[in-house]
Amino acid sequence: MKELLKGLNIYLIGMMGSGKTTVGELLAKELEYRFLDTDAIISAVSEKSINQIFAEDGEDEFRQLESDVLQEVSAYLYTVIATGGGIILRQQNWSHLRDGMVVWLNVPIDVLVQRLKDDDTRPLLKREELQTKLISLYEQRKSLYQQADITIGIEENDNPNDIVQKIMVEIPHKIRQENSDLN
């Protein structure tokens, strides 16, 4: 698989709570790639939690930091990168995402609600009823998520290893499809 990818980065996109970090770590091990999480890098560089950045500096400042970090990490090769759920909102980010293979972890809203119901670390979920807010975010972002190279539909009972295996099956299909499109 590593030879097939030729160092191409894998970017995991999807809603908050979709498992991008957990799946990303496992996928990186499977591929013998390094793993990076844009939110973790933003927190380390800013020396603030994502919540603090949203509260003190606002969402626009966070999105700029996110774009800056993506620009930096997109220069790497052999890397699985877990992104923040809203990274797809800025058009400029797509130029960096397109340098690699973009994988959308598409998780049903009811599963996200179960995963996030006790999570107080998500600034965009602070003010509204959880399911209503997730539906709203999903509807705003769905057409952007659909621009991914690969969509992985996640079922309620899928564990992170199941998801990694789904991705491992889809990567060769996508590469073969792209190669045949070039011929």
N, C-alpha and C. Protein backbone atom coordinates (compact mmCIF):
# COMPACT_ATOMS: atom_id res chain seq x y z
N MET A 1 0.83 -1.20 0.00
CA MET A 1 0.00 0.00 0.00
C MET A 1 0.87 1.26 0.00
N LYS A 2 1.94 1.22 0.77
CA LYS A 2 2.83 2.37 0.84
C LYS A 2 3.40 2.71 -0.54
N GLU A 3 3.74 1.67 -1.30
CA GLU A 3 4.28 1.87 -2.65
C GLU A 3 3.20 2.45 -3.57
N LEU A 4 1.97 1.99 -3.39
CA LEU A 4 0.86 2.47 -4.19
C LEU A 4 0.60 3.97 -3.95
N LEU A 5 0.70 4.38 -2.69
CA LEU A 5 0.45 5.78 -2.34
C LEU A 5 1.60 6.71 -2.71
N LYS A 6 2.81 6.17 -2.81
CA LYS A 6 3.98 6.97 -3.21
C LYS A 6 4.17 8.20 -2.34
N GLY A 7 3.92 8.08 -1.05
CA GLY A 7 4.14 9.19 -0.13
C GLY A 7 2.99 10.15 0.00
N LEU A 8 1.93 9.95 -0.77
CA LEU A 8 0.77 10.83 -0.75
C LEU A 8 0.19 10.92 0.66
N ASN A 9 -0.05 12.13 1.13
CA ASN A 9 -0.67 12.31 2.44
C ASN A 9 -2.14 11.91 2.38
N ILE A 10 -2.64 11.47 3.53
CA ILE A 10 -4.06 11.16 3.68
C ILE A 10 -4.63 12.17 4.66
N TYR A 11 -5.66 12.91 4.23
CA TYR A 11 -6.33 13.88 5.08
C TYR A 11 -7.69 13.32 5.48
N LEU A 12 -7.93 13.24 6.78
CA LEU A 12 -9.22 12.78 7.28
C LEU A 12 -10.08 13.99 7.60
N ILE A 13 -11.25 14.04 6.98
CA ILE A 13 -12.20 15.12 7.24
C ILE A 13 -13.49 14.50 7.76
N GLY A 14 -14.32 15.33 8.36
CA GLY A 14 -15.60 14.86 8.87
C GLY A 14 -16.02 15.68 10.07
N MET A 15 -17.21 15.43 10.50
CA MET A 15 -17.78 16.14 11.64
C MET A 15 -16.99 15.86 12.91
N MET A 16 -17.10 16.80 13.85
CA MET A 16 -16.51 16.55 15.17
C MET A 16 -17.12 15.27 15.74
N GLY A 17 -16.28 14.47 16.36
CA GLY A 17 -16.77 13.22 16.93
C GLY A 17 -16.78 12.07 15.95
N SER A 18 -16.32 12.29 14.72
CA SER A 18 -16.36 11.21 13.72
C SER A 18 -15.20 10.22 13.89
N GLY A 19 -14.24 10.55 14.74
CA GLY A 19 -13.16 9.61 15.01
C GLY A 19 -11.90 9.85 14.20
N LYS A 20 -11.74 11.04 13.68
CA LYS A 20 -10.60 11.32 12.80
C LYS A 20 -9.26 11.07 13.50
N THR A 21 -9.14 11.50 14.75
CA THR A 21 -7.87 11.32 15.46
C THR A 21 -7.61 9.85 15.76
N THR A 22 -8.58 9.17 16.31
CA THR A 22 -8.41 7.75 16.65
C THR A 22 -8.13 6.92 15.40
N VAL A 23 -8.94 7.11 14.38
CA VAL A 23 -8.76 6.37 13.13
C VAL A 23 -7.44 6.76 12.48
N GLY A 24 -7.13 8.04 12.52
CA GLY A 24 -5.89 8.53 11.92
C GLY A 24 -4.65 7.90 12.52
N GLU A 25 -4.62 7.78 13.83
CA GLU A 25 -3.47 7.15 14.49
C GLU A 25 -3.31 5.70 14.05
N LEU A 26 -4.42 4.98 13.99
CA LEU A 26 -4.38 3.57 13.58
C LEU A 26 -4.02 3.42 12.11
N LEU A 27 -4.58 4.29 11.28
CA LEU A 27 -4.29 4.25 9.84
C LEU A 27 -2.81 4.54 9.59
N ALA A 28 -2.27 5.50 10.31
CA ALA A 28 -0.85 5.84 10.16
C ALA A 28 0.03 4.64 10.50
N LYS A 29 -0.32 3.93 11.56
CA LYS A 29 0.45 2.72 11.92
C LYS A 29 0.35 1.67 10.82
N GLU A 30 -0.84 1.48 10.33
CA GLU A 30 -1.09 0.49 9.27
C GLU A 30 -0.27 0.81 8.01
N LEU A 31 -0.20 2.09 7.68
CA LEU A 31 0.51 2.52 6.48
C LEU A 31 2.01 2.76 6.71
N GLU A 32 2.42 2.70 7.97
CA GLU A 32 3.79 3.07 8.36
C GLU A 32 4.06 4.53 7.99
N TYR A 33 3.08 5.37 8.26
CA TYR A 33 3.13 6.81 8.06
C TYR A 33 3.27 7.49 9.42
N ARG A 34 3.60 8.77 9.42
CA ARG A 34 3.51 9.56 10.66
C ARG A 34 2.07 10.03 10.78
N PHE A 35 1.70 10.47 11.99
CA PHE A 35 0.36 10.97 12.22
C PHE A 35 0.44 12.39 12.79
N LEU A 36 -0.40 13.27 12.27
CA LEU A 36 -0.52 14.62 12.80
C LEU A 36 -2.00 14.96 12.95
N ASP A 37 -2.29 15.75 13.97
CA ASP A 37 -3.65 16.22 14.22
C ASP A 37 -3.60 17.75 14.21
N THR A 38 -4.32 18.38 13.28
CA THR A 38 -4.22 19.83 13.17
C THR A 38 -4.68 20.55 14.44
N ASP A 39 -5.72 20.05 15.11
CA ASP A 39 -6.17 20.69 16.34
C ASP A 39 -5.10 20.61 17.44
N ALA A 40 -4.42 19.48 17.54
CA ALA A 40 -3.36 19.34 18.54
C ALA A 40 -2.21 20.30 18.24
N ILE A 41 -1.89 20.45 16.96
CA ILE A 41 -0.81 21.37 16.58
C ILE A 41 -1.22 22.81 16.90
N ILE A 42 -2.44 23.17 16.58
CA ILE A 42 -2.94 24.52 16.87
C ILE A 42 -2.84 24.80 18.37
N SER A 43 -3.27 23.84 19.19
CA SER A 43 -3.19 24.02 20.65
C SER A 43 -1.75 24.17 21.13
N ALA A 44 -0.86 23.36 20.56
CA ALA A 44 0.55 23.43 20.97
C ALA A 44 1.19 24.75 20.56
N VAL A 45 0.94 25.18 19.33
CA VAL A 45 1.54 26.41 18.82
C VAL A 45 1.00 27.64 19.55
N SER A 46 -0.30 27.66 19.79
CA SER A 46 -0.92 28.82 20.43
C SER A 46 -0.82 28.78 21.95
N GLU A 47 -0.47 27.60 22.47
CA GLU A 47 -0.45 27.37 23.92
C GLU A 47 -1.81 27.65 24.55
N LYS A 48 -2.86 27.33 23.80
CA LYS A 48 -4.24 27.48 24.27
C LYS A 48 -5.04 26.27 23.81
N SER A 49 -6.09 25.95 24.54
CA SER A 49 -7.00 24.92 24.07
C SER A 49 -7.85 25.52 22.94
N ILE A 50 -8.47 24.64 22.17
CA ILE A 50 -9.35 25.11 21.10
C ILE A 50 -10.46 25.97 21.71
N ASN A 51 -11.01 25.53 22.84
CA ASN A 51 -12.03 26.32 23.55
C ASN A 51 -11.54 27.72 23.87
N GLN A 52 -10.30 27.83 24.39
CA GLN A 52 -9.74 29.14 24.73
C GLN A 52 -9.61 30.02 23.50
N ILE A 53 -9.14 29.44 22.40
CA ILE A 53 -8.97 30.22 21.18
C ILE A 53 -10.32 30.78 20.73
N PHE A 54 -11.34 29.92 20.72
CA PHE A 54 -12.68 30.38 20.33
C PHE A 54 -13.18 31.46 21.27
N ALA A 55 -13.00 31.25 22.60
CA ALA A 55 -13.52 32.20 23.59
C ALA A 55 -12.75 33.53 23.58
N GLU A 56 -11.43 33.46 23.47
CA GLU A 56 -10.60 34.66 23.60
C GLU A 56 -10.35 35.38 22.28
N ASP A 57 -10.23 34.62 21.19
CA ASP A 57 -9.83 35.20 19.92
C ASP A 57 -10.91 35.11 18.84
N GLY A 58 -11.87 34.22 19.03
CA GLY A 58 -12.96 34.08 18.08
C GLY A 58 -12.71 32.99 17.03
N GLU A 59 -13.81 32.61 16.38
CA GLU A 59 -13.73 31.54 15.38
C GLU A 59 -12.87 31.94 14.18
N ASP A 60 -12.93 33.22 13.77
CA ASP A 60 -12.13 33.64 12.61
C ASP A 60 -10.63 33.44 12.86
N GLU A 61 -10.19 33.79 14.06
CA GLU A 61 -8.77 33.60 14.39
C GLU A 61 -8.41 32.11 14.40
N PHE A 62 -9.32 31.29 14.95
CA PHE A 62 -9.08 29.85 14.94
C PHE A 62 -8.96 29.34 13.51
N ARG A 63 -9.87 29.75 12.64
CA ARG A 63 -9.86 29.28 11.25
C ARG A 63 -8.57 29.72 10.53
N GLN A 64 -8.06 30.90 10.88
CA GLN A 64 -6.80 31.34 10.27
C GLN A 64 -5.64 30.47 10.76
N LEU A 65 -5.60 30.19 12.06
CA LEU A 65 -4.57 29.29 12.60
C LEU A 65 -4.66 27.92 11.93
N GLU A 66 -5.88 27.44 11.76
CA GLU A 66 -6.11 26.15 11.13
C GLU A 66 -5.56 26.14 9.70
N SER A 67 -5.83 27.20 8.95
CA SER A 67 -5.31 27.30 7.58
C SER A 67 -3.79 27.36 7.57
N ASP A 68 -3.22 28.11 8.49
CA ASP A 68 -1.76 28.22 8.58
C ASP A 68 -1.12 26.86 8.88
N VAL A 69 -1.71 26.15 9.82
CA VAL A 69 -1.18 24.82 10.19
C VAL A 69 -1.32 23.86 9.02
N LEU A 70 -2.46 23.87 8.35
CA LEU A 70 -2.65 22.99 7.20
C LEU A 70 -1.61 23.28 6.11
N GLN A 71 -1.35 24.54 5.87
CA GLN A 71 -0.35 24.90 4.86
C GLN A 71 1.02 24.30 5.23
N GLU A 72 1.37 24.37 6.50
CA GLU A 72 2.66 23.82 6.96
C GLU A 72 2.71 22.30 6.81
N VAL A 73 1.69 21.61 7.32
CA VAL A 73 1.75 20.13 7.33
C VAL A 73 1.56 19.53 5.94
N SER A 74 0.96 20.29 5.03
CA SER A 74 0.76 19.75 3.68
C SER A 74 2.09 19.59 2.94
N ALA A 75 3.15 20.19 3.46
CA ALA A 75 4.47 20.05 2.83
C ALA A 75 5.10 18.68 3.12
N TYR A 76 4.59 17.99 4.12
CA TYR A 76 5.12 16.67 4.46
C TYR A 76 4.67 15.62 3.45
N LEU A 77 5.33 14.49 3.49
CA LEU A 77 4.92 13.29 2.77
C LEU A 77 4.75 12.18 3.78
N TYR A 78 4.13 11.09 3.37
CA TYR A 78 3.97 9.91 4.24
C TYR A 78 3.33 10.28 5.58
N THR A 79 2.23 11.03 5.52
CA THR A 79 1.59 11.51 6.74
C THR A 79 0.08 11.35 6.65
N VAL A 80 -0.51 10.85 7.73
CA VAL A 80 -1.96 10.86 7.90
C VAL A 80 -2.27 12.07 8.77
N ILE A 81 -3.19 12.91 8.31
CA ILE A 81 -3.49 14.16 9.00
C ILE A 81 -4.98 14.20 9.35
N ALA A 82 -5.26 14.25 10.66
CA ALA A 82 -6.63 14.43 11.13
C ALA A 82 -6.88 15.93 11.19
N THR A 83 -7.94 16.38 10.55
CA THR A 83 -8.25 17.80 10.49
C THR A 83 -9.43 18.13 11.39
N GLY A 84 -9.59 19.42 11.67
CA GLY A 84 -10.78 19.86 12.38
C GLY A 84 -11.99 19.77 11.48
N GLY A 85 -13.14 19.61 12.06
CA GLY A 85 -14.38 19.40 11.30
C GLY A 85 -14.70 20.52 10.32
N GLY A 86 -14.24 21.74 10.62
CA GLY A 86 -14.57 22.87 9.77
C GLY A 86 -13.47 23.27 8.80
N ILE A 87 -12.44 22.47 8.70
CA ILE A 87 -11.32 22.84 7.82
C ILE A 87 -11.75 23.00 6.37
N ILE A 88 -12.81 22.34 6.01
CA ILE A 88 -13.31 22.35 4.64
C ILE A 88 -14.04 23.65 4.30
N LEU A 89 -14.27 24.50 5.29
CA LEU A 89 -15.06 25.72 5.07
C LEU A 89 -14.33 26.78 4.27
N ARG A 90 -13.01 26.79 4.35
CA ARG A 90 -12.23 27.80 3.62
C ARG A 90 -11.73 27.21 2.30
N GLN A 91 -12.06 27.89 1.22
CA GLN A 91 -11.66 27.42 -0.10
C GLN A 91 -10.15 27.25 -0.20
N GLN A 92 -9.39 28.16 0.40
CA GLN A 92 -7.93 28.07 0.32
C GLN A 92 -7.40 26.76 0.91
N ASN A 93 -8.12 26.18 1.86
CA ASN A 93 -7.67 24.92 2.46
C ASN A 93 -7.74 23.77 1.46
N TRP A 94 -8.68 23.86 0.53
CA TRP A 94 -8.83 22.77 -0.44
C TRP A 94 -7.60 22.62 -1.33
N SER A 95 -6.90 23.72 -1.59
CA SER A 95 -5.70 23.60 -2.42
C SER A 95 -4.65 22.73 -1.72
N HIS A 96 -4.61 22.79 -0.41
CA HIS A 96 -3.67 21.94 0.35
C HIS A 96 -4.21 20.51 0.49
N LEU A 97 -5.50 20.40 0.77
CA LEU A 97 -6.09 19.07 0.90
C LEU A 97 -5.95 18.29 -0.39
N ARG A 98 -6.10 18.96 -1.52
CA ARG A 98 -6.02 18.30 -2.83
C ARG A 98 -4.60 17.80 -3.14
N ASP A 99 -3.61 18.26 -2.38
CA ASP A 99 -2.24 17.73 -2.55
C ASP A 99 -2.14 16.28 -2.08
N GLY A 100 -3.14 15.83 -1.34
CA GLY A 100 -3.15 14.46 -0.84
C GLY A 100 -4.45 13.77 -1.22
N MET A 101 -4.76 12.72 -0.48
CA MET A 101 -6.01 12.00 -0.66
C MET A 101 -6.92 12.36 0.51
N VAL A 102 -8.12 12.83 0.21
CA VAL A 102 -9.05 13.29 1.23
C VAL A 102 -10.08 12.18 1.49
N VAL A 103 -10.19 11.80 2.77
CA VAL A 103 -11.11 10.74 3.18
C VAL A 103 -12.12 11.33 4.15
N TRP A 104 -13.40 11.24 3.79
CA TRP A 104 -14.48 11.73 4.64
C TRP A 104 -15.00 10.58 5.49
N LEU A 105 -14.92 10.75 6.81
CA LEU A 105 -15.52 9.80 7.74
C LEU A 105 -16.95 10.28 7.99
N ASN A 106 -17.90 9.64 7.35
CA ASN A 106 -19.29 10.07 7.37
C ASN A 106 -20.06 9.25 8.41
N VAL A 107 -20.34 9.91 9.52
CA VAL A 107 -20.97 9.25 10.67
C VAL A 107 -22.40 9.78 10.82
N PRO A 108 -23.38 8.91 11.01
CA PRO A 108 -24.75 9.37 11.20
C PRO A 108 -24.87 10.30 12.42
N ILE A 109 -25.75 11.28 12.33
CA ILE A 109 -25.93 12.28 13.40
C ILE A 109 -26.25 11.61 14.73
N ASP A 110 -27.11 10.60 14.74
CA ASP A 110 -27.47 9.98 16.02
C ASP A 110 -26.26 9.34 16.69
N VAL A 111 -25.33 8.83 15.91
CA VAL A 111 -24.09 8.26 16.48
C VAL A 111 -23.22 9.39 17.03
N LEU A 112 -23.13 10.49 16.29
CA LEU A 112 -22.36 11.64 16.79
C LEU A 112 -22.94 12.17 18.10
N VAL A 113 -24.26 12.23 18.20
CA VAL A 113 -24.91 12.69 19.43
C VAL A 113 -24.48 11.82 20.60
N GLN A 114 -24.50 10.49 20.41
CA GLN A 114 -24.09 9.58 21.48
C GLN A 114 -22.63 9.80 21.87
N ARG A 115 -21.78 10.01 20.88
CA ARG A 115 -20.35 10.20 21.15
C ARG A 115 -20.06 11.53 21.84
N LEU A 116 -20.84 12.56 21.53
CA LEU A 116 -20.51 13.91 21.98
C LEU A 116 -21.36 14.42 23.14
N LYS A 117 -22.32 13.63 23.60
CA LYS A 117 -23.27 14.15 24.58
C LYS A 117 -22.63 14.62 25.88
N ASP A 118 -21.49 14.05 26.26
CA ASP A 118 -20.83 14.46 27.51
C ASP A 118 -19.54 15.23 27.26
N ASP A 119 -19.32 15.65 26.03
CA ASP A 119 -18.07 16.32 25.65
C ASP A 119 -18.23 17.83 25.78
N ASP A 120 -17.46 18.44 26.66
CA ASP A 120 -17.56 19.90 26.83
C ASP A 120 -16.36 20.62 26.20
N THR A 121 -15.63 19.93 25.33
CA THR A 121 -14.44 20.53 24.73
C THR A 121 -14.69 21.08 23.33
N ARG A 122 -15.91 21.03 22.86
CA ARG A 122 -16.23 21.46 21.49
C ARG A 122 -16.90 22.83 21.52
N PRO A 123 -16.18 23.88 21.14
CA PRO A 123 -16.74 25.22 21.26
C PRO A 123 -17.99 25.47 20.43
N LEU A 124 -18.11 24.82 19.29
CA LEU A 124 -19.29 25.06 18.46
C LEU A 124 -20.55 24.39 19.00
N LEU A 125 -20.38 23.55 20.03
CA LEU A 125 -21.55 22.86 20.60
C LEU A 125 -22.01 23.48 21.92
N LYS A 126 -21.48 24.61 22.28
CA LYS A 126 -21.73 25.19 23.59
C LYS A 126 -23.13 25.78 23.77
N ARG A 127 -23.68 26.34 22.72
CA ARG A 127 -24.85 27.20 22.91
C ARG A 127 -26.19 26.57 22.55
N GLU A 128 -26.21 25.45 21.91
CA GLU A 128 -27.48 24.92 21.41
C GLU A 128 -27.69 23.46 21.80
N GLU A 129 -28.89 23.00 21.60
CA GLU A 129 -29.20 21.60 21.79
C GLU A 129 -28.33 20.80 20.82
N LEU A 130 -27.71 19.76 21.33
CA LEU A 130 -26.67 19.03 20.61
C LEU A 130 -27.13 18.52 19.24
N GLN A 131 -28.22 17.79 19.19
CA GLN A 131 -28.66 17.21 17.93
C GLN A 131 -29.01 18.30 16.91
N THR A 132 -29.68 19.33 17.35
CA THR A 132 -30.04 20.43 16.47
C THR A 132 -28.80 21.08 15.88
N LYS A 133 -27.79 21.33 16.72
CA LYS A 133 -26.56 21.96 16.26
C LYS A 133 -25.81 21.06 15.29
N LEU A 134 -25.73 19.76 15.60
CA LEU A 134 -25.03 18.84 14.71
C LEU A 134 -25.71 18.74 13.34
N ILE A 135 -27.03 18.70 13.35
CA ILE A 135 -27.77 18.65 12.08
C ILE A 135 -27.48 19.92 11.28
N SER A 136 -27.50 21.06 11.94
CA SER A 136 -27.24 22.33 11.27
C SER A 136 -25.83 22.36 10.68
N LEU A 137 -24.82 21.97 11.47
CA LEU A 137 -23.44 21.94 10.97
C LEU A 137 -23.29 20.97 9.81
N TYR A 138 -23.91 19.80 9.94
CA TYR A 138 -23.83 18.80 8.88
C TYR A 138 -24.43 19.33 7.58
N GLU A 139 -25.59 19.95 7.68
CA GLU A 139 -26.24 20.48 6.48
C GLU A 139 -25.40 21.59 5.84
N GLN A 140 -24.75 22.42 6.66
CA GLN A 140 -23.89 23.48 6.12
C GLN A 140 -22.67 22.91 5.42
N ARG A 141 -22.16 21.80 5.90
CA ARG A 141 -20.87 21.28 5.46
C ARG A 141 -20.96 20.10 4.49
N LYS A 142 -22.11 19.48 4.40
CA LYS A 142 -22.24 18.23 3.64
C LYS A 142 -21.70 18.33 2.22
N SER A 143 -22.07 19.37 1.49
CA SER A 143 -21.64 19.48 0.09
C SER A 143 -20.12 19.63 0.00
N LEU A 144 -19.50 20.20 1.02
CA LEU A 144 -18.04 20.32 1.04
C LEU A 144 -17.40 18.98 1.38
N TYR A 145 -17.95 18.29 2.36
CA TYR A 145 -17.44 16.96 2.71
C TYR A 145 -17.53 16.02 1.50
N GLN A 146 -18.59 16.17 0.72
CA GLN A 146 -18.81 15.30 -0.43
C GLN A 146 -17.76 15.47 -1.52
N GLN A 147 -16.92 16.48 -1.41
CA GLN A 147 -15.84 16.68 -2.37
C GLN A 147 -14.63 15.79 -2.07
N ALA A 148 -14.70 15.00 -1.00
CA ALA A 148 -13.61 14.10 -0.64
C ALA A 148 -13.36 13.09 -1.76
N ASP A 149 -12.15 12.58 -1.80
CA ASP A 149 -11.80 11.53 -2.77
C ASP A 149 -12.48 10.22 -2.41
N ILE A 150 -12.58 9.96 -1.11
CA ILE A 150 -13.16 8.70 -0.62
C ILE A 150 -14.15 9.05 0.49
N THR A 151 -15.31 8.44 0.46
CA THR A 151 -16.28 8.57 1.55
C THR A 151 -16.39 7.22 2.25
N ILE A 152 -16.19 7.24 3.55
CA ILE A 152 -16.32 6.03 4.35
C ILE A 152 -17.58 6.17 5.20
N GLY A 153 -18.60 5.41 4.85
CA GLY A 153 -19.82 5.39 5.65
C GLY A 153 -19.57 4.58 6.91
N ILE A 154 -19.85 5.18 8.04
CA ILE A 154 -19.58 4.53 9.32
C ILE A 154 -20.89 4.12 9.97
N GLU A 155 -20.92 2.88 10.36
CA GLU A 155 -22.10 2.33 11.04
C GLU A 155 -21.90 2.44 12.55
N GLU A 156 -23.00 2.36 13.28
CA GLU A 156 -22.95 2.52 14.74
C GLU A 156 -22.00 1.52 15.40
N ASN A 157 -21.95 0.30 14.89
CA ASN A 157 -21.13 -0.74 15.54
C ASN A 157 -19.71 -0.83 15.01
N ASP A 158 -19.34 0.01 14.04
CA ASP A 158 -17.97 -0.01 13.52
C ASP A 158 -17.01 0.48 14.59
N ASN A 159 -15.93 -0.28 14.79
CA ASN A 159 -14.90 0.20 15.70
C ASN A 159 -13.78 0.83 14.86
N PRO A 160 -12.85 1.53 15.48
CA PRO A 160 -11.80 2.21 14.70
C PRO A 160 -11.02 1.28 13.77
N ASN A 161 -10.76 0.05 14.19
CA ASN A 161 -10.05 -0.89 13.31
C ASN A 161 -10.88 -1.26 12.08
N ASP A 162 -12.20 -1.39 12.26
CA ASP A 162 -13.09 -1.65 11.11
C ASP A 162 -13.00 -0.51 10.10
N ILE A 163 -12.98 0.71 10.61
CA ILE A 163 -12.95 1.89 9.75
C ILE A 163 -11.62 1.95 8.99
N VAL A 164 -10.54 1.66 9.68
CA VAL A 164 -9.22 1.63 9.03
C VAL A 164 -9.23 0.61 7.89
N GLN A 165 -9.81 -0.54 8.14
CA GLN A 165 -9.84 -1.57 7.09
C GLN A 165 -10.69 -1.12 5.90
N LYS A 166 -11.79 -0.41 6.17
CA LYS A 166 -12.61 0.13 5.07
C LYS A 166 -11.77 1.10 4.22
N ILE A 167 -10.99 1.94 4.90
CA ILE A 167 -10.14 2.90 4.18
C ILE A 167 -9.08 2.16 3.37
N MET A 168 -8.48 1.14 3.97
CA MET A 168 -7.42 0.38 3.28
C MET A 168 -7.96 -0.32 2.03
N VAL A 169 -9.23 -0.69 2.04
CA VAL A 169 -9.85 -1.31 0.87
C VAL A 169 -10.10 -0.25 -0.22
N GLU A 170 -10.50 0.95 0.21
CA GLU A 170 -10.89 1.98 -0.75
C GLU A 170 -9.70 2.68 -1.42
N ILE A 171 -8.59 2.81 -0.72
CA ILE A 171 -7.44 3.53 -1.28
C ILE A 171 -7.00 2.96 -2.62
N PRO A 172 -6.76 1.65 -2.74
CA PRO A 172 -6.33 1.12 -4.04
C PRO A 172 -7.37 1.35 -5.15
N HIS A 173 -8.66 1.24 -4.80
CA HIS A 173 -9.71 1.49 -5.79
C HIS A 173 -9.61 2.92 -6.32
N LYS A 174 -9.43 3.86 -5.42
CA LYS A 174 -9.36 5.26 -5.81
C LYS A 174 -8.12 5.51 -6.67
N ILE A 175 -6.98 4.96 -6.29
CA ILE A 175 -5.75 5.17 -7.06
C ILE A 175 -5.88 4.55 -8.45
N ARG A 176 -6.44 3.33 -8.52
CA ARG A 176 -6.63 2.70 -9.83
C ARG A 176 -7.59 3.52 -10.69
N GLN A 177 -8.64 4.03 -10.08
CA GLN A 177 -9.62 4.85 -10.81
C GLN A 177 -8.93 6.11 -11.36
N GLU A 178 -8.14 6.77 -10.53
CA GLU A 178 -7.44 7.98 -10.98
C GLU A 178 -6.46 7.66 -12.09
N ASN A 179 -5.76 6.54 -11.97
CA ASN A 179 -4.79 6.15 -13.01
C ASN A 179 -5.50 5.83 -14.32
N SER A 180 -6.66 5.16 -14.24
CA SER A 180 -7.39 4.85 -15.48
C SER A 180 -7.99 6.10 -16.10
N ASP A 181 -8.34 7.09 -15.24
CA ASP A 181 -8.86 8.35 -15.77
C ASP A 181 -7.78 9.12 -16.54
N LEU A 182 -6.53 8.91 -16.17
CA LEU A 182 -5.42 9.59 -16.85
C LEU A 182 -5.12 8.98 -18.21
N ASN A 183 -5.48 7.71 -18.39
CA ASN A 183 -5.17 7.02 -19.65
C ASN A 183 -6.23 7.23 -20.70
